[in-house]
C-alpha atoms as a PDB file:
ATOM      1  CA  MET A   1     -16.389 263.663 119.761  1.00  0.00           C
ATOM      2  CA  PRO A   2     -14.317 261.049 122.327  1.00  0.00           C
ATOM      3  CA  LEU A   3     -15.738 260.820 125.666  1.00  0.00           C
ATOM      4  CA  TYR A   4     -12.997 261.676 127.001  1.00  0.00           C
ATOM      5  CA  HIS A   5     -13.922 265.275 125.700  1.00  0.00           C
ATOM      6  CA  GLN A   6     -17.912 265.037 125.671  1.00  0.00           C
ATOM      7  CA  ASN A   7     -16.856 264.751 129.746  1.00  0.00           C
ATOM      8  CA  VAL A   8     -14.615 267.136 129.928  1.00  0.00           C
ATOM      9  CA  PHE A   9     -16.771 269.707 128.248  1.00  0.00           C
ATOM     10  CA  LEU A  10     -19.979 268.884 130.898  1.00  0.00           C
ATOM     11  CA  THR A  11     -17.674 269.588 133.572  1.00  0.00           C
ATOM     12  CA  VAL A  12     -16.450 272.809 132.522  1.00  0.00           C
ATOM     13  CA  TRP A  13     -20.298 273.977 131.257  1.00  0.00           C
ATOM     14  CA  VAL A  14     -21.533 273.432 135.183  1.00  0.00           C
ATOM     15  CA  LEU A  15     -18.562 275.072 136.613  1.00  0.00           C
ATOM     16  CA  CYS A  16     -19.640 278.098 134.619  1.00  0.00           C
ATOM     17  CA  VAL A  17     -23.004 278.166 135.273  1.00  0.00           C
ATOM     18  CA  CYS A  18     -22.888 277.898 138.596  1.00  0.00           C
ATOM     19  CA  ALA A  19     -20.420 280.849 138.836  1.00  0.00           C
ATOM     20  CA  ILE A  20     -22.266 282.433 137.070  1.00  0.00           C
ATOM     21  CA  ALA A  21     -25.421 282.227 139.627  1.00  0.00           C
ATOM     22  CA  SER A  22     -24.007 282.489 142.810  1.00  0.00           C
ATOM     23  CA  SER A  23     -20.952 285.106 142.035  1.00  0.00           C
ATOM     24  CA  LYS A  24     -22.051 286.973 145.004  1.00  0.00           C
ATOM     25  CA  GLY A  25     -21.289 285.251 147.728  1.00  0.00           C
ATOM     26  CA  ALA A  26     -18.491 283.256 145.479  1.00  0.00           C
ATOM     27  CA  ASN A  27     -16.677 286.837 145.500  1.00  0.00           C
ATOM     28  CA  VAL A  28     -17.074 287.078 148.998  1.00  0.00           C
ATOM     29  CA  ASN A  29     -15.696 283.278 150.192  1.00  0.00           C
ATOM     30  CA  LEU A  30     -12.890 283.558 147.310  1.00  0.00           C
ATOM     31  CA  SER A  31     -11.834 287.422 149.435  1.00  0.00           C
ATOM     32  CA  VAL A  32     -12.611 285.634 152.851  1.00  0.00           C
ATOM     33  CA  SER A  33      -9.984 282.531 151.139  1.00  0.00           C
ATOM     34  CA  VAL A  34      -7.678 284.955 150.053  1.00  0.00           C
ATOM     35  CA  GLU A  35      -7.262 286.877 153.135  1.00  0.00           C
ATOM     36  CA  SER A  36      -6.657 283.433 155.084  1.00  0.00           C
ATOM     37  CA  LEU A  37      -4.024 282.722 152.752  1.00  0.00           C
ATOM     38  CA  VAL A  38      -1.657 285.823 152.933  1.00  0.00           C
ATOM     39  CA  PHE A  39      -2.519 285.548 157.188  1.00  0.00           C
ATOM     40  CA  LYS A  40      -1.544 281.847 157.205  1.00  0.00           C
ATOM     41  CA  ALA A  41       1.839 283.029 155.452  1.00  0.00           C
ATOM     42  CA  ALA A  42       2.589 286.533 157.612  1.00  0.00           C
ATOM     43  CA  ALA A  43       2.089 283.516 160.206  1.00  0.00           C
ATOM     44  CA  VAL A  44       4.405 280.971 158.284  1.00  0.00           C
ATOM     45  CA  GLU A  45       6.952 284.288 158.012  1.00  0.00           C
ATOM     46  CA  ASP A  46       7.107 285.486 161.472  1.00  0.00           C
ATOM     47  CA  ASP A  47       7.378 281.488 162.904  1.00  0.00           C
ATOM     48  CA  SER A  48      10.591 281.385 160.391  1.00  0.00           C
ATOM     49  CA  SER A  49      11.921 284.425 161.468  1.00  0.00           C
ATOM     50  CA  ALA A  50      11.666 283.363 164.397  1.00  0.00           C
ATOM     51  CA  SER A  51      13.177 280.466 164.427  1.00  0.00           C
ATOM     52  CA  PHE A  52      15.792 281.814 162.706  1.00  0.00           C
ATOM     53  CA  LEU A  53      16.762 284.275 165.562  1.00  0.00           C
ATOM     54  CA  LEU A  54      17.236 281.483 167.668  1.00  0.00           C
ATOM     55  CA  LEU A  55      19.236 279.639 165.744  1.00  0.00           C
ATOM     56  CA  SER A  56      21.550 282.956 165.328  1.00  0.00           C
ATOM     57  CA  ALA A  57      21.610 283.390 169.360  1.00  0.00           C
ATOM     58  CA  PHE A  58      24.927 281.241 170.148  1.00  0.00           C
ATOM     59  CA  PRO A  59      25.977 280.737 174.446  1.00  0.00           C
ATOM     60  CA  ASP A  60      27.549 284.251 176.364  1.00  0.00           C
ATOM     61  CA  ASP A  61      31.217 282.360 175.911  1.00  0.00           C
ATOM     62  CA  LEU A  62      31.142 282.027 172.282  1.00  0.00           C
ATOM     63  CA  GLU A  63      30.024 285.831 171.667  1.00  0.00           C
ATOM     64  CA  VAL A  64      32.701 288.147 170.465  1.00  0.00           C
ATOM     65  CA  SER A  65      32.048 291.291 173.288  1.00  0.00           C
ATOM     66  CA  ASP A  66      31.355 294.525 172.681  1.00  0.00           C
ATOM     67  CA  TYR A  67      34.728 295.940 172.978  1.00  0.00           C
ATOM     68  CA  CYS A  68      36.452 293.651 171.163  1.00  0.00           C
ATOM     69  CA  SER A  69      33.467 294.038 168.383  1.00  0.00           C
ATOM     70  CA  GLU A  70      34.303 297.793 168.391  1.00  0.00           C
ATOM     71  CA  LEU A  71      37.899 296.722 167.701  1.00  0.00           C
ATOM     72  CA  LEU A  72      37.184 295.688 164.746  1.00  0.00           C
ATOM     73  CA  ARG A  73      34.757 298.098 162.888  1.00  0.00           C
ATOM     74  CA  ILE A  74      37.759 300.656 163.236  1.00  0.00           C
ATOM     75  CA  PHE A  75      40.169 298.013 161.912  1.00  0.00           C
ATOM     76  CA  GLY A  76      37.615 298.014 159.285  1.00  0.00           C
ATOM     77  CA  GLN A  77      37.528 301.606 158.399  1.00  0.00           C
ATOM     78  CA  ARG A  78      40.792 302.151 159.028  1.00  0.00           C
ATOM     79  CA  TYR A  79      41.572 299.351 156.406  1.00  0.00           C
ATOM     80  CA  VAL A  80      39.591 300.719 153.688  1.00  0.00           C
ATOM     81  CA  THR A  81      40.616 304.285 154.546  1.00  0.00           C
ATOM     82  CA  TYR A  82      44.579 302.992 153.572  1.00  0.00           C
ATOM     83  CA  VAL A  83      43.712 300.935 150.360  1.00  0.00           C
ATOM     84  CA  ASN A  84      41.590 303.962 149.185  1.00  0.00           C
ATOM     85  CA  CYS A  85      44.753 306.244 150.082  1.00  0.00           C
ATOM     86  CA  LEU A  86      46.782 303.453 147.978  1.00  0.00           C
ATOM     87  CA  VAL A  87      45.378 303.014 145.166  1.00  0.00           C
ATOM     88  CA  PRO A  88      45.376 306.632 143.218  1.00  0.00           C
ATOM     89  CA  SER A  89      49.288 306.747 144.587  1.00  0.00           C
ATOM     90  CA  ALA A  90      50.457 303.870 142.869  1.00  0.00           C
ATOM     91  CA  ARG A  91      51.063 305.446 139.809  1.00  0.00           C
ATOM     92  CA  PRO A  92      53.452 308.311 140.088  1.00  0.00           C
ATOM     93  CA  VAL A  93      54.420 306.087 143.306  1.00  0.00           C
ATOM     94  CA  LYS A  94      53.192 307.512 146.420  1.00  0.00           C
ATOM     95  CA  VAL A  95      52.227 305.184 148.581  1.00  0.00           C
ATOM     96  CA  CYS A  96      54.807 305.574 151.027  1.00  0.00           C
ATOM     97  CA  ARG A  97      54.574 309.717 151.204  1.00  0.00           C
ATOM     98  CA  ASN A  98      50.699 309.830 151.461  1.00  0.00           C
ATOM     99  CA  CYS A  99      49.693 306.639 152.715  1.00  0.00           C
ATOM    100  CA  PHE A 100      52.337 306.871 156.058  1.00  0.00           C
ATOM    101  CA  GLY A 101      49.746 307.936 158.305  1.00  0.00           C
ATOM    102  CA  ALA A 102      46.820 305.841 157.279  1.00  0.00           C
ATOM    103  CA  TYR A 103      48.933 302.588 157.253  1.00  0.00           C
ATOM    104  CA  GLY A 104      50.483 303.603 160.869  1.00  0.00           C
ATOM    105  CA  ASN A 105      46.572 303.896 162.383  1.00  0.00           C
ATOM    106  CA  LEU A 106      45.966 300.494 160.683  1.00  0.00           C
ATOM    107  CA  VAL A 107      49.025 298.987 162.291  1.00  0.00           C
ATOM    108  CA  THR A 108      47.892 300.777 165.833  1.00  0.00           C
ATOM    109  CA  THR A 109      44.321 299.045 165.224  1.00  0.00           C
ATOM    110  CA  TYR A 110      46.070 296.145 164.745  1.00  0.00           C
ATOM    111  CA  MET A 111      48.265 295.946 167.492  1.00  0.00           C
ATOM    112  CA  ASN A 112      45.497 296.128 170.137  1.00  0.00           C
ATOM    113  CA  ILE A 113      43.921 293.246 168.417  1.00  0.00           C
ATOM    114  CA  SER A 114      46.498 291.182 168.609  1.00  0.00           C
ATOM    115  CA  SER A 115      48.380 292.709 172.362  1.00  0.00           C
ATOM    116  CA  GLU A 116      48.250 290.260 174.800  1.00  0.00           C
ATOM    117  CA  GLN A 117      47.432 292.964 177.089  1.00  0.00           C
ATOM    118  CA  LEU A 118      43.943 292.656 178.971  1.00  0.00           C
ATOM    119  CA  GLY A 119      41.499 295.798 177.880  1.00  0.00           C
ATOM    120  CA  PRO A 120      38.282 297.072 179.194  1.00  0.00           C
ATOM    121  CA  GLY A 121      36.668 294.224 181.512  1.00  0.00           C
ATOM    122  CA  ASN A 122      40.153 292.075 181.351  1.00  0.00           C
ATOM    123  CA  GLU A 123      39.595 290.927 178.262  1.00  0.00           C
ATOM    124  CA  SER A 124      41.755 290.335 175.073  1.00  0.00           C
ATOM    125  CA  CYS A 125      40.698 290.289 171.707  1.00  0.00           C
ATOM    126  CA  ARG A 126      43.357 287.775 170.561  1.00  0.00           C
ATOM    127  CA  ASP A 127      41.908 284.600 170.228  1.00  0.00           C
ATOM    128  CA  SER A 128      38.168 285.682 169.711  1.00  0.00           C
ATOM    129  CA  LEU A 129      39.080 287.941 166.431  1.00  0.00           C
ATOM    130  CA  LEU A 130      42.411 286.257 164.875  1.00  0.00           C
ATOM    131  CA  ARG A 131      42.368 282.845 166.148  1.00  0.00           C
ATOM    132  CA  SER A 132      38.779 281.283 166.283  1.00  0.00           C
ATOM    133  CA  ASP A 133      38.674 280.032 162.798  1.00  0.00           C
ATOM    134  CA  ARG A 134      40.838 278.955 160.208  1.00  0.00           C
ATOM    135  CA  LEU A 135      40.378 281.534 157.803  1.00  0.00           C
ATOM    136  CA  MET A 136      41.807 284.125 159.967  1.00  0.00           C
ATOM    137  CA  LEU A 137      40.716 286.692 157.930  1.00  0.00           C
ATOM    138  CA  VAL A 138      42.081 289.953 159.864  1.00  0.00           C
ATOM    139  CA  TYR A 139      44.966 288.515 160.326  1.00  0.00           C
ATOM    140  CA  LEU A 140      45.073 287.397 156.182  1.00  0.00           C
ATOM    141  CA  LEU A 141      44.195 291.432 155.688  1.00  0.00           C
ATOM    142  CA  PHE A 142      46.618 292.702 157.877  1.00  0.00           C
ATOM    143  CA  ASN A 143      49.647 290.574 156.584  1.00  0.00           C
ATOM    144  CA  ASN A 144      48.906 291.818 153.066  1.00  0.00           C
ATOM    145  CA  LEU A 145      48.910 295.045 153.588  1.00  0.00           C
ATOM    146  CA  LYS A 146      52.104 293.916 155.431  1.00  0.00           C
ATOM    147  CA  GLU A 147      53.766 292.713 152.784  1.00  0.00           C
ATOM    148  CA  LEU A 148      53.371 295.535 150.202  1.00  0.00           C
ATOM    149  CA  TRP A 149      54.768 298.326 152.662  1.00  0.00           C
ATOM    150  CA  THR A 150      58.066 295.679 153.691  1.00  0.00           C
ATOM    151  CA  LYS A 151      58.736 294.846 149.479  1.00  0.00           C
ATOM    152  CA  SER A 152      57.673 299.318 148.858  1.00  0.00           C
ATOM    153  CA  ALA A 153      60.453 299.804 151.486  1.00  0.00           C
ATOM    154  CA  CYS A 154      58.434 302.802 153.673  1.00  0.00           C
ATOM    155  CA  ASP A 155      60.252 302.150 156.390  1.00  0.00           C
ATOM    156  CA  LYS A 156      63.857 303.860 155.279  1.00  0.00           C
ATOM    157  CA  CYS A 157      61.637 306.613 154.374  1.00  0.00           C
ATOM    158  CA  ILE A 158      59.462 307.494 157.246  1.00  0.00           C
ATOM    159  CA  ASN A 159      60.578 307.966 160.660  1.00  0.00           C
ATOM    160  CA  ASP A 160      59.120 305.996 163.945  1.00  0.00           C
ATOM    161  CA  ARG A 161      56.099 305.694 165.133  1.00  0.00           C
ATOM    162  CA  PHE A 162      54.885 307.077 161.172  1.00  0.00           C
ATOM    163  CA  GLN A 163      55.686 310.549 162.128  1.00  0.00           C
ATOM    164  CA  SER A 164      56.825 312.257 159.354  1.00  0.00           C
ATOM    165  CA  LEU A 165      58.957 311.264 156.462  1.00  0.00           C
ATOM    166  CA  THR A 166      62.743 311.718 156.898  1.00  0.00           C
ATOM    167  CA  ASN A 167      65.268 314.392 156.417  1.00  0.00           C
ATOM    168  CA  ASP A 168      66.637 312.627 153.606  1.00  0.00           C
ATOM    169  CA  THR A 169      63.834 311.957 151.959  1.00  0.00           C
ATOM    170  CA  LEU A 170      62.128 315.544 152.573  1.00  0.00           C
ATOM    171  CA  TYR A 171      65.717 316.704 150.701  1.00  0.00           C
ATOM    172  CA  PHE A 172      65.475 314.587 148.072  1.00  0.00           C
ATOM    173  CA  MET A 173      62.321 315.838 147.220  1.00  0.00           C
ATOM    174  CA  SER A 174      62.568 319.108 146.909  1.00  0.00           C
ATOM    175  CA  THR A 175      65.907 318.149 144.649  1.00  0.00           C
ATOM    176  CA  LEU A 176      63.518 316.470 142.612  1.00  0.00           C
ATOM    177  CA  ASN A 177      60.744 319.038 142.377  1.00  0.00           C
ATOM    178  CA  GLN A 178      63.761 321.528 141.385  1.00  0.00           C
ATOM    179  CA  THR A 179      64.540 319.795 138.529  1.00  0.00           C
ATOM    180  CA  LEU A 180      60.799 318.722 137.618  1.00  0.00           C
ATOM    181  CA  THR A 181      60.643 322.621 137.411  1.00  0.00           C
ATOM    182  CA  CYS A 182      63.121 322.866 135.238  1.00  0.00           C
ATOM    183  CA  PHE A 183      61.864 320.397 132.847  1.00  0.00           C
ATOM    184  CA  ASP A 184      58.937 322.206 132.651  1.00  0.00           C
ATOM    185  CA  ARG A 185      60.357 326.050 132.142  1.00  0.00           C
ATOM    186  CA  TYR A 186      62.189 324.819 129.475  1.00  0.00           C
ATOM    187  CA  GLN A 187      60.402 321.683 127.547  1.00  0.00           C
ATOM    188  CA  GLN A 188      58.410 324.176 125.523  1.00  0.00           C
ATOM    189  CA  GLY A 189      61.336 325.417 123.409  1.00  0.00           C
ATOM    190  CA  ASN A 190      64.546 323.696 122.382  1.00  0.00           C
ATOM    191  CA  HIS A 191      65.632 321.035 124.045  1.00  0.00           C
ATOM    192  CA  THR A 192      69.315 322.202 123.889  1.00  0.00           C
ATOM    193  CA  GLU A 193      68.613 325.105 125.862  1.00  0.00           C
ATOM    194  CA  LEU A 194      67.081 322.589 128.708  1.00  0.00           C
ATOM    195  CA  CYS A 195      69.784 320.346 128.530  1.00  0.00           C
ATOM    196  CA  LYS A 196      72.054 323.301 129.335  1.00  0.00           C
ATOM    197  CA  ASN A 197      69.675 325.141 131.747  1.00  0.00           C
ATOM    198  CA  CYS A 198      68.931 321.925 133.583  1.00  0.00           C
ATOM    199  CA  LYS A 199      72.129 320.046 133.899  1.00  0.00           C
ATOM    200  CA  SER A 200      73.185 321.704 136.970  1.00  0.00           C
ATOM    201  CA  ALA A 201      69.687 320.827 138.645  1.00  0.00           C
ATOM    202  CA  TYR A 202      69.736 317.149 137.289  1.00  0.00           C
ATOM    203  CA  LYS A 203      74.003 316.268 138.316  1.00  0.00           C
ATOM    204  CA  GLY A 204      72.643 317.374 141.943  1.00  0.00           C
ATOM    205  CA  LEU A 205      69.765 314.855 141.648  1.00  0.00           C
ATOM    206  CA  ASN A 206      71.797 312.420 140.420  1.00  0.00           C
ATOM    207  CA  GLU A 207      74.425 312.480 142.913  1.00  0.00           C
ATOM    208  CA  LEU A 208      71.978 312.697 145.710  1.00  0.00           C
ATOM    209  CA  TYR A 209      69.972 309.546 144.841  1.00  0.00           C
ATOM    210  CA  SER A 210      73.824 308.018 144.494  1.00  0.00           C
ATOM    211  CA  SER A 211      74.200 308.845 148.077  1.00  0.00           C
ATOM    212  CA  MET A 212      70.864 307.579 149.053  1.00  0.00           C
ATOM    213  CA  GLU A 213      71.603 304.027 147.254  1.00  0.00           C
ATOM    214  CA  LYS A 214      74.897 304.010 148.737  1.00  0.00           C
ATOM    215  CA  ASN A 215      73.174 304.136 152.389  1.00  0.00           C
ATOM    216  CA  ASP A 216      70.091 302.335 151.621  1.00  0.00           C
ATOM    217  CA  SER A 217      67.864 304.990 152.706  1.00  0.00           C
ATOM    218  CA  MET A 218      66.146 305.004 149.738  1.00  0.00           C
ATOM    219  CA  CYS A 219      61.951 303.568 149.292  1.00  0.00           C
ATOM    220  CA  ILE A 220      59.947 302.981 146.568  1.00  0.00           C
ATOM    221  CA  ASP A 221      58.476 306.387 145.853  1.00  0.00           C
ATOM    222  CA  VAL A 222      62.504 307.966 146.193  1.00  0.00           C
ATOM    223  CA  GLU A 223      63.295 305.186 143.289  1.00  0.00           C
ATOM    224  CA  ASP A 224      60.552 305.324 141.030  1.00  0.00           C
ATOM    225  CA  GLY A 225      60.761 309.526 141.056  1.00  0.00           C
ATOM    226  CA  MET A 226      64.685 309.367 140.489  1.00  0.00           C
ATOM    227  CA  ASN A 227      63.774 306.540 137.635  1.00  0.00           C
ATOM    228  CA  MET A 228      61.177 308.515 135.886  1.00  0.00           C
ATOM    229  CA  THR A 229      63.506 311.985 135.702  1.00  0.00           C
ATOM    230  CA  ARG A 230      66.355 310.006 133.805  1.00  0.00           C
ATOM    231  CA  ARG A 231      63.535 308.502 131.222  1.00  0.00           C
ATOM    232  CA  LEU A 232      62.698 312.226 130.633  1.00  0.00           C
ATOM    233  CA  TRP A 233      66.459 313.507 130.952  1.00  0.00           C
ATOM    234  CA  SER A 234      67.280 310.899 127.800  1.00  0.00           C
ATOM    235  CA  LYS A 235      64.018 309.627 125.456  1.00  0.00           C
ATOM    236  CA  ASN A 236      61.890 312.680 126.002  1.00  0.00           C
ATOM    237  CA  PHE A 237      64.628 315.338 125.711  1.00  0.00           C
ATOM    238  CA  LYS A 238      66.989 313.225 124.164  1.00  0.00           C
ATOM    239  CA  CYS A 239      69.487 315.130 126.959  1.00  0.00           C
ATOM    240  CA  SER A 240      73.156 313.568 127.310  1.00  0.00           C
ATOM    241  CA  PHE A 241      74.892 313.513 130.915  1.00  0.00           C
ATOM    242  CA  PRO A 242      78.587 312.363 131.325  1.00  0.00           C
ATOM    243  CA  ARG A 243      78.934 310.604 135.177  1.00  0.00           C
ATOM    244  CA  GLU A 244      81.777 310.925 136.807  1.00  0.00           C
ATOM    245  CA  GLU A 245      82.154 307.195 137.082  1.00  0.00           C
ATOM    246  CA  THR A 246      82.888 306.381 133.279  1.00  0.00           C
ATOM    247  CA  VAL A 247      86.304 307.594 134.366  1.00  0.00           C
ATOM    248  CA  PRO A 248      87.127 305.064 135.587  1.00  0.00           C
ATOM    249  CA  VAL A 249      85.895 302.837 133.572  1.00  0.00           C
ATOM    250  CA  ILE A 250      87.675 304.361 130.547  1.00  0.00           C
ATOM    251  CA  ALA A 251      91.081 304.361 132.586  1.00  0.00           C
ATOM    252  CA  VAL A 252      90.611 300.431 133.553  1.00  0.00           C
ATOM    253  CA  SER A 253      89.442 299.825 129.783  1.00  0.00           C
ATOM    254  CA  GLY A 254      92.989 301.484 129.001  1.00  0.00           C
ATOM    255  CA  PHE A 255      94.724 299.489 131.380  1.00  0.00           C
ATOM    256  CA  MET A 256      92.921 296.313 129.859  1.00  0.00           C
ATOM    257  CA  LEU A 257      93.537 297.050 126.587  1.00  0.00           C
ATOM    258  CA  PHE A 258      98.002 297.675 127.091  1.00  0.00           C
ATOM    259  CA  LEU A 259      97.958 294.817 129.229  1.00  0.00           C
ATOM    260  CA  PRO A 260      99.138 292.795 126.619  1.00  0.00           C
ATOM    261  CA  ILE A 261     100.933 294.913 124.586  1.00  0.00           C
ATOM    262  CA  ILE A 262     103.100 295.867 128.599  1.00  0.00           C
ATOM    263  CA  PHE A 263     103.183 291.879 129.118  1.00  0.00           C
ATOM    264  CA  TYR A 264     104.938 290.732 125.779  1.00  0.00           C
ATOM    265  CA  LEU A 265     107.857 293.941 126.208  1.00  0.00           C
ATOM    266  CA  SER A 266     108.102 292.700 129.352  1.00  0.00           C
ATOM    267  CA  SER A 267     108.492 289.346 128.395  1.00  0.00           C
ATOM    268  CA  PHE A 268     110.745 290.059 125.237  1.00  0.00           C
ATOM    269  CA  LEU A 269     112.914 292.073 127.864  1.00  0.00           C
ATOM    270  CA  HIS A 270     113.458 289.311 130.004  1.00  0.00           C
ATOM    271  CA  SER A 271     114.131 286.656 127.392  1.00  0.00           C
ATOM    272  CA  GLU A 272     116.797 289.120 125.612  1.00  0.00           C
ATOM    273  CA  GLN A 273     118.636 289.739 129.555  1.00  0.00           C
ATOM    274  CA  LYS A 274     118.178 286.051 130.131  1.00  0.00           C
ATOM    275  CA  LYS A 275     120.329 284.958 126.949  1.00  0.00           C
ATOM    276  CA  ARG A 276     123.200 287.288 128.176  1.00  0.00           C
ATOM    277  CA  LYS A 277     123.854 285.726 131.284  1.00  0.00           C
ATOM    278  CA  LEU A 278     123.912 282.780 129.472  1.00  0.00           C
ATOM    279  CA  ILE A 279     126.415 283.810 127.112  1.00  0.00           C
ATOM    280  CA  HIS A 280     128.741 284.773 129.950  1.00  0.00           C
ATOM    281  CA  PRO A 281     129.769 281.500 131.340  1.00  0.00           C
ATOM    282  CA  LYS A 282     130.196 280.066 127.850  1.00  0.00           C
ATOM    283  CA  ARG A 283     132.978 283.041 127.384  1.00  0.00           C
ATOM    284  CA  ALA A 284     134.326 282.450 131.237  1.00  0.00           C
ATOM    285  CA  LYS A 285     135.048 278.288 130.494  1.00  0.00           C
ATOM    286  CA  SER A 286     136.661 278.699 126.718  1.00  0.00           C
ATOM    287  CA  TYR A 287     138.532 281.475 128.437  1.00  0.00           C
ATOM    288  CA  THR A 288     139.603 279.302 130.406  1.00  0.00           C
ATOM    289  CA  SER A 289     140.635 276.177 129.068  1.00  0.00           C
ATOM    290  CA  SER A 290     142.257 278.511 126.748  1.00  0.00           C
ATOM    291  CA  LEU A 291     144.753 279.578 129.992  1.00  0.00           C
ATOM    292  CA  MET A 292     145.150 275.944 130.830  1.00  0.00           C
ATOM    293  CA  ASN A 293     146.367 274.647 127.117  1.00  0.00           C
ATOM    294  CA  ILE A 294     148.553 277.280 127.089  1.00  0.00           C
ATOM    295  CA  GLU A 295     150.300 276.220 130.869  1.00  0.00           C
ATOM    296  CA  ASP A 296     150.375 272.521 129.168  1.00  0.00           C
ATOM    297  CA  LYS A 297     152.595 273.540 126.096  1.00  0.00           C
ATOM    298  CA  GLN A 298     155.062 275.747 128.241  1.00  0.00           C
ATOM    299  CA  SER A 299     155.558 273.213 130.630  1.00  0.00           C
END
């Protein structure tokens, strides 16, 4: 056996003998050592927590006031409420009808944050909550939802101050529900009966939608509701409905079709009349010259 291995073996044997001989004393010393280590670790942890608290304490002029902190908390709650309303209203689209109240509350809170008017204690939260850092998180969050509201054109369906839907929107939704109720009543049977019995309701809905489109008074809810109804009418139920707009189109198309015939006919008549006008001067000139010849002969 090499010398190195012999030394290792002897060292391990001596340690084992010492441990057996003084097991009681060793246990006591071991427990004391462990307790001292635990106490030291706890002391280090307390010291680190205290140092962290000291590091997180900024001067009073840099801290957000209680009033601004409360506004920030309310903004977060209303932001979550509005988002939770948007997601279930994605399909079919009902983001304007279902969520205008939540959006109105969010706008009110953001206006209080961004306003130049001073709140309690003569303080404004605009600089501390909106402009105090490069990220400007509150500003970005609100602008993202504001852009979504603008793209949905919800202002065209909601009254001022987010109180209720406009009368045009309410009337359209009522007419839409009547049309869909008619579809549900006859869709189980022959679709021919559905096309016949729901024709007047579908026609009225189309006319109402066209008027709102001309007046620019429809939001995404109205647009999506009409598109889904037209898809049901044409693709699912295979119904057809001659729209009144096709009559002028047919009239103009017929006029354009006969326009070349009218052009060539008018050109032909005009050319014949021009030929007649050109013949008369020749005859008059020949007649005048013949009279002159007769007079010369007589003289």
